Amino acid sequence: MNKVITFIVALGALIAGVVLFGQLSKKAPAEFALHYQQAREIKSFQLTDQLGESFTNESLKGQWSWVFFGYTSCPDVCPTTLQEMNFIYDELKAVANNNQVLLVSVDPQRDTQEKLASYIGYFNPEFKALRGDHGVLFPFARNLGLMYAITEPEEAMKDDHGQSVENYLVDHSASLVLINPAGNVEAIFKPEQALGQVPVIEGDKLVSDFAKIVALY
């Protein structure tokens, strides 16, 4: 009888240990992201989405927002990152069902509302694309801890009719900023830089850290 009681007590302790370990694991700190101990406030801003609707600080409230700076003429980082976000989007929604992915254009001169609508819709109809002039974009980027700069071409390109073609690139951060439902910067996910490869954040690492961040929030 004593052996049975001892076994039951030991089994109960084991189960309790497993449950506790599971709870602690969910509360573990982020492993790959820069997770701020105190979320950073986002100053007042106003952008416009691909539907022509205003997007402000209030548009961030109640959502986990994934913010990425890019542009439709980007040859590599932007399409690769948006494709990766589309691949893991269902996994992000499984962690928290209030997610929104936001592409902020750093090329307002070429990225019209119509162009952004077509571009972002190609990756996922739930994603949003935002635009504004540089007077709004520069302080907004700095506030989020990101950066961008327009690189002028050495020579202007001409089309078949001899007209000048705007053929410039925009250097921009490949990081993703996570904004919490209170509308403040919660974390930044930075890509790994490998020589000769496009810097992209690995989706499985992002989902893993997102689950830990949500559990701690």
Protein backbone atom coordinates (compact mmCIF):
# COMPACT_ATOMS: atom_id res chain seq x y z
CA MET A 1 0.00 0.00 0.00
CA ASN A 2 2.82 2.37 0.93
CA LYS A 3 4.49 1.66 -2.41
CA VAL A 4 1.26 2.56 -4.23
CA ILE A 5 0.93 5.83 -2.30
CA THR A 6 4.58 6.66 -2.94
CA PHE A 7 4.09 5.98 -6.65
CA ILE A 8 0.99 8.20 -6.79
CA VAL A 9 2.76 11.03 -4.99
CA ALA A 10 5.78 10.73 -7.30
CA LEU A 11 3.53 10.67 -10.37
CA GLY A 12 1.68 13.75 -9.14
CA ALA A 13 4.95 15.57 -8.57
CA LEU A 14 6.11 14.61 -12.07
CA ILE A 15 2.91 15.89 -13.68
CA ALA A 16 3.11 19.12 -11.68
CA GLY A 17 6.72 19.53 -12.80
CA VAL A 18 5.82 19.04 -16.45
CA VAL A 19 2.98 21.58 -16.21
CA LEU A 20 5.24 24.09 -14.45
CA PHE A 21 7.98 23.58 -17.04
CA GLY A 22 5.46 24.17 -19.81
CA GLN A 23 4.29 27.39 -18.19
CA LEU A 24 7.85 28.61 -17.68
CA SER A 25 8.74 27.74 -21.27
CA LYS A 26 5.87 29.87 -22.54
CA LYS A 27 7.12 32.73 -20.37
CA ALA A 28 10.69 32.38 -21.62
CA PRO A 29 12.34 35.54 -23.00
CA ALA A 30 12.66 36.10 -26.74
CA GLU A 31 15.68 34.35 -28.18
CA PHE A 32 16.14 36.05 -31.54
CA ALA A 33 14.35 39.41 -31.33
CA LEU A 34 15.43 42.61 -29.62
CA HIS A 35 12.60 42.68 -27.06
CA TYR A 36 12.34 45.96 -25.18
CA GLN A 37 11.87 45.74 -21.42
CA GLN A 38 9.72 48.83 -21.72
CA ALA A 39 7.84 49.33 -24.98
CA ARG A 40 8.80 52.47 -26.93
CA GLU A 41 6.14 55.09 -27.53
CA ILE A 42 5.27 55.93 -31.14
CA LYS A 43 4.80 59.64 -31.75
CA SER A 44 1.79 60.94 -33.62
CA PHE A 45 1.81 60.17 -37.36
CA GLN A 46 -0.58 60.00 -40.29
CA LEU A 47 -0.15 57.83 -43.37
CA THR A 48 -2.54 56.59 -46.07
CA ASP A 49 -3.22 52.94 -46.87
CA GLN A 50 -3.60 51.29 -50.29
CA LEU A 51 -7.34 51.97 -50.22
CA GLY A 52 -6.83 55.69 -49.67
CA GLU A 53 -7.91 55.54 -46.03
CA SER A 54 -6.10 57.35 -43.22
CA PHE A 55 -3.79 55.26 -41.04
CA THR A 56 -2.73 56.76 -37.70
CA ASN A 57 -1.69 55.71 -34.20
CA GLU A 58 -5.28 54.68 -33.55
CA SER A 59 -5.03 52.16 -36.40
CA LEU A 60 -2.40 50.28 -34.37
CA LYS A 61 -4.56 49.88 -31.26
CA GLY A 62 -5.83 46.39 -30.51
CA GLN A 63 -3.51 44.75 -33.04
CA TRP A 64 -0.11 43.10 -33.11
CA SER A 65 1.36 45.03 -36.03
CA TRP A 66 4.31 43.84 -38.11
CA VAL A 67 5.90 46.88 -39.78
CA PHE A 68 8.32 46.57 -42.68
CA PHE A 69 9.83 49.41 -44.70
CA GLY A 70 10.20 48.75 -48.43
CA TYR A 71 9.00 49.67 -51.91
CA THR A 72 7.44 48.03 -54.96
CA SER A 73 10.56 48.38 -57.16
CA CYS A 74 12.73 46.59 -54.58
CA PRO A 75 14.50 43.74 -56.39
CA ASP A 76 15.03 41.28 -53.53
CA VAL A 77 14.54 42.02 -49.82
CA CYS A 78 10.95 43.28 -50.03
CA PRO A 79 9.34 40.49 -52.07
CA THR A 80 11.28 37.84 -50.15
CA THR A 81 10.25 39.24 -46.77
CA LEU A 82 6.60 39.66 -47.73
CA GLN A 83 6.54 36.14 -49.13
CA GLU A 84 7.98 34.79 -45.87
CA MET A 85 5.39 36.72 -43.86
CA ASN A 86 2.65 35.23 -46.01
CA PHE A 87 4.02 31.71 -45.43
CA ILE A 88 3.88 32.10 -41.63
CA TYR A 89 0.80 34.33 -41.40
CA ASP A 90 -1.51 31.51 -40.31
CA GLU A 91 1.00 30.51 -37.62
CA LEU A 92 1.12 34.10 -36.34
CA LYS A 93 -2.68 34.17 -36.19
CA ALA A 94 -2.61 30.88 -34.27
CA VAL A 95 -0.50 32.61 -31.61
CA ALA A 96 -2.71 35.73 -31.56
CA ASN A 97 -5.67 36.31 -33.85
CA ASN A 98 -5.20 40.09 -34.00
CA ASN A 99 -2.27 40.45 -36.40
CA GLN A 100 -1.73 42.95 -39.20
CA VAL A 101 1.21 43.11 -41.62
CA LEU A 102 2.12 46.61 -42.78
CA LEU A 103 4.43 47.54 -45.65
CA VAL A 104 5.45 51.20 -45.39
CA SER A 105 6.65 52.51 -48.74
CA VAL A 106 9.92 54.46 -48.71
CA ASP A 107 9.38 55.44 -52.35
CA PRO A 108 6.29 57.68 -52.36
CA GLN A 109 7.27 59.24 -55.68
CA ARG A 110 6.75 55.99 -57.62
CA ASP A 111 4.56 54.02 -55.23
CA THR A 112 1.11 55.38 -55.94
CA GLN A 113 -1.94 54.19 -54.06
CA GLU A 114 -2.98 52.01 -57.01
CA LYS A 115 0.47 50.51 -57.41
CA LEU A 116 0.68 49.66 -53.71
CA ALA A 117 -2.78 48.07 -53.77
CA SER A 118 -1.81 45.78 -56.64
CA TYR A 119 1.57 44.93 -55.12
CA ILE A 120 0.50 44.11 -51.57
CA GLY A 121 -2.55 42.19 -52.74
CA TYR A 122 -0.29 39.83 -54.66
CA PHE A 123 1.22 38.56 -51.40
CA ASN A 124 -1.84 38.52 -49.17
CA PRO A 125 -5.16 40.41 -49.42
CA GLU A 126 -5.10 40.96 -45.63
CA PHE A 127 -1.75 42.78 -45.71
CA LYS A 128 -1.73 46.58 -45.86
CA ALA A 129 0.56 49.01 -47.67
CA LEU A 130 1.07 52.55 -46.35
CA ARG A 131 2.45 55.70 -47.93
CA GLY A 132 3.21 59.29 -47.02
CA ASP A 133 5.67 62.02 -47.98
CA HIS A 134 9.23 62.04 -46.68
CA GLY A 135 8.35 64.70 -44.13
CA VAL A 136 6.25 62.07 -42.36
CA LEU A 137 8.29 58.99 -43.27
CA PHE A 138 11.68 60.14 -41.96
CA PRO A 139 10.57 60.86 -38.37
CA PHE A 140 8.33 57.79 -38.36
CA ALA A 141 11.27 55.59 -39.43
CA ARG A 142 13.56 57.07 -36.78
CA ASN A 143 10.88 56.61 -34.14
CA LEU A 144 10.67 52.90 -35.00
CA GLY A 145 14.46 52.49 -35.06
CA LEU A 146 14.65 51.99 -38.83
CA MET A 147 16.31 53.92 -41.64
CA TYR A 148 16.22 54.43 -45.40
CA ALA A 149 18.03 56.50 -48.02
CA ILE A 150 17.46 57.06 -51.74
CA THR A 151 20.40 56.14 -53.94
CA GLU A 152 20.65 58.18 -57.11
CA PRO A 153 21.77 56.29 -60.26
CA GLU A 154 25.09 57.22 -61.86
CA GLU A 155 23.45 57.57 -65.27
CA ALA A 156 19.84 58.27 -66.17
CA MET A 157 18.21 55.48 -68.16
CA LYS A 158 16.17 56.12 -71.32
CA ASP A 159 13.15 54.23 -72.58
CA ASP A 160 12.52 53.29 -76.24
CA HIS A 161 11.25 56.82 -76.91
CA GLY A 162 14.30 58.50 -75.42
CA GLN A 163 12.47 59.63 -72.30
CA SER A 164 14.21 59.56 -68.93
CA VAL A 165 13.24 56.65 -66.70
CA GLU A 166 13.33 56.96 -62.93
CA ASN A 167 15.73 54.16 -62.09
CA TYR A 168 16.92 54.65 -58.55
CA LEU A 169 17.17 52.29 -55.62
CA VAL A 170 16.23 52.92 -52.00
CA ASP A 171 18.48 51.54 -49.30
CA HIS A 172 16.35 50.48 -46.36
CA SER A 173 16.41 48.33 -43.26
CA ALA A 174 15.39 44.68 -43.67
CA SER A 175 14.21 44.51 -40.06
CA LEU A 176 10.64 43.93 -38.92
CA VAL A 177 9.21 46.03 -36.10
CA LEU A 178 6.59 44.46 -33.84
CA ILE A 179 4.11 46.94 -32.37
CA ASN A 180 1.95 45.79 -29.47
CA PRO A 181 -1.84 46.24 -29.15
CA ALA A 182 -1.28 49.40 -27.10
CA GLY A 183 0.36 50.96 -30.16
CA ASN A 184 3.96 50.95 -28.87
CA VAL A 185 7.13 49.31 -30.23
CA GLU A 186 7.47 45.95 -28.49
CA ALA A 187 10.37 44.32 -30.38
CA ILE A 188 12.55 44.42 -33.47
CA PHE A 189 13.42 41.36 -35.54
CA LYS A 190 16.68 41.74 -37.44
CA PRO A 191 17.70 39.42 -40.31
CA GLU A 192 20.88 37.42 -40.33
CA GLN A 193 23.47 38.87 -42.68
CA ALA A 194 25.12 36.18 -44.82
CA LEU A 195 27.60 37.10 -47.54
CA GLY A 196 26.02 36.90 -50.98
CA GLN A 197 22.50 36.17 -49.66
CA VAL A 198 19.39 38.28 -49.29
CA PRO A 199 18.96 39.31 -45.63
CA VAL A 200 15.63 37.79 -44.56
CA ILE A 201 14.27 36.90 -41.14
CA GLU A 202 13.64 33.19 -40.66
CA GLY A 203 9.94 32.54 -40.23
CA ASP A 204 10.20 29.75 -37.67
CA LYS A 205 12.37 31.91 -35.38
CA LEU A 206 9.96 34.80 -35.72
CA VAL A 207 6.93 32.66 -34.80
CA SER A 208 8.79 31.12 -31.86
CA ASP A 209 9.74 34.49 -30.40
CA PHE A 210 6.32 35.97 -31.10
CA ALA A 211 4.71 33.25 -28.97
CA LYS A 212 7.09 34.08 -26.11
CA ILE A 213 6.48 37.82 -26.44
CA VAL A 214 2.71 37.40 -26.44
CA ALA A 215 2.92 35.16 -23.36
CA LEU A 216 4.91 37.83 -21.54
CA TYR A 217 2.71 40.72 -22.62
